[in-house]
Amino acid sequence: MRLHTFFCGVVLSYDVDGSVVRIAFTGRTSLGHAGVPLLGRPRGAVREQARDQGLRVVDREAELVFPDAGFSVLTARDGDGLPTTAVVLPAPVAAPGPASTGRREGPPGVCLRAP
């Protein structure tokens, strides 16, 4: 069972133990990676600009996966002309090493910008 919390364009999904397992940015949030704006643009334009920047993008139905950066960009359904509606990141995981460091690792290189 997953529970969800939504606020200010961010959706957090939790597992039954209360740990965050997924983070999604939607709505009026502005999100970019390597100079490529990710939200509210036609899916095909996001894919082409990302590839022009030398980024690896895996095209799936209604999803662009950025495997090297660890996130996906979603549309409501498949179609290059449809706007992107969400950027989804897996929850951070504990870094290898002593548990006492408290350090968390997340997907690298994603920058959140205010609209």
Foldseek 3Di string as FASTA:
>chain_A
DWDWDDDDQWIFIADPVGDTFKIKGFDQWWKDFLPQTQFFAFQLVSVVVCVVSVFDWDDDWQWIDRVLQAKIWGFPTGDRRGTTGMIMHTDWDDDPDDPVVVDTDTGPGMDTDHD
